[in-house]
């Protein structure tokens, strides 16, 4: 939606054209989507590694209880 000054979600009307004045100038929607996808993939890998480390610690703690008797 436009406000009183002719701004449309980071776009500005100049000479009847919409000018992109968003945070990442020069980035297209496809580039932004690609960047978000890369970030999601990286976070997924980090979560998998953290989960593996946590499971390994749980197994090690469980093994210690077995040998304490």
Protein backbone atom coordinates (compact mmCIF):
# COMPACT_ATOMS: atom_id res chain seq x y z
CA UNK A 1 0.00 0.00 0.00
CA UNK A 2 1.14 3.50 -0.73
CA UNK A 3 1.41 6.17 1.90
CA UNK A 4 1.01 9.93 1.40
CA UNK A 5 4.60 10.29 0.15
CA UNK A 6 4.43 7.72 -2.66
CA UNK A 7 6.34 4.90 -0.94
CA UNK A 8 5.41 1.29 -1.73
CA UNK A 9 7.13 -1.25 0.60
CA UNK A 10 10.62 0.17 0.10
CA UNK A 11 9.91 1.46 -3.41
CA UNK A 12 9.65 5.17 -4.20
CA UNK A 13 7.76 6.78 -7.07
CA UNK A 14 10.01 9.09 -9.10
CA UNK A 15 8.93 10.46 -12.48
CA UNK A 16 6.12 7.89 -12.61
CA UNK A 17 8.46 4.94 -12.03
CA UNK A 18 9.03 2.78 -8.98
CA UNK A 19 12.61 3.12 -7.73
CA UNK A 20 14.06 0.36 -5.52
CA UNK A 21 15.45 1.93 -2.34
CA UNK A 22 15.31 -1.17 -0.18
CA UNK A 23 18.04 -2.36 2.18
CA UNK A 24 19.84 -4.43 -0.46
CA UNK A 25 20.00 -2.21 -3.51
CA UNK A 26 20.45 -4.08 -6.75
CA UNK A 27 19.16 -7.42 -5.44
CA UNK A 28 16.32 -8.98 -7.37
CA UNK A 29 13.66 -11.14 -5.80
CA UNK A 30 15.32 -14.26 -7.20
CA UNK A 31 18.65 -13.26 -5.63
CA UNK A 32 16.96 -12.68 -2.27
CA UNK A 33 15.21 -16.05 -2.49
CA UNK A 34 18.52 -17.71 -3.33
CA UNK A 35 20.20 -16.01 -0.37
CA UNK A 36 17.42 -17.11 2.01
CA UNK A 37 17.61 -20.68 0.66
CA UNK A 38 21.37 -20.79 1.26
CA UNK A 39 20.87 -19.49 4.79
CA UNK A 40 18.20 -22.11 5.47
CA UNK A 41 20.44 -24.91 4.16
CA UNK A 42 23.34 -23.72 6.30
CA UNK A 43 21.14 -23.51 9.41
CA UNK A 44 19.80 -27.02 8.71
CA UNK A 45 23.34 -28.40 8.58
CA UNK A 46 24.25 -26.60 11.81
CA UNK A 47 21.15 -28.02 13.51
CA UNK A 48 22.02 -31.54 12.34
CA UNK A 49 25.56 -31.28 13.69
CA UNK A 50 24.34 -29.87 17.02
CA UNK A 51 21.76 -32.66 17.29
CA UNK A 52 24.44 -35.28 16.61
CA UNK A 53 26.72 -33.82 19.27
CA UNK A 54 23.87 -33.75 21.77
CA UNK A 55 22.97 -37.38 21.03
CA UNK A 56 26.59 -38.45 21.38
CA UNK A 57 26.82 -36.73 24.77
CA UNK A 58 23.63 -38.45 25.89
CA UNK A 59 25.03 -41.84 24.85
CA UNK A 60 28.30 -41.17 26.65
CA UNK A 61 26.45 -40.17 29.81
CA UNK A 62 24.27 -43.26 29.53
CA UNK A 63 27.31 -45.52 29.12
CA UNK A 64 28.90 -44.09 32.26
CA UNK A 65 25.87 -45.09 34.31
CA UNK A 66 26.18 -48.70 33.09
CA UNK A 67 29.81 -49.03 34.20
CA UNK A 68 29.39 -47.38 37.61
CA UNK A 69 27.92 -50.51 39.19
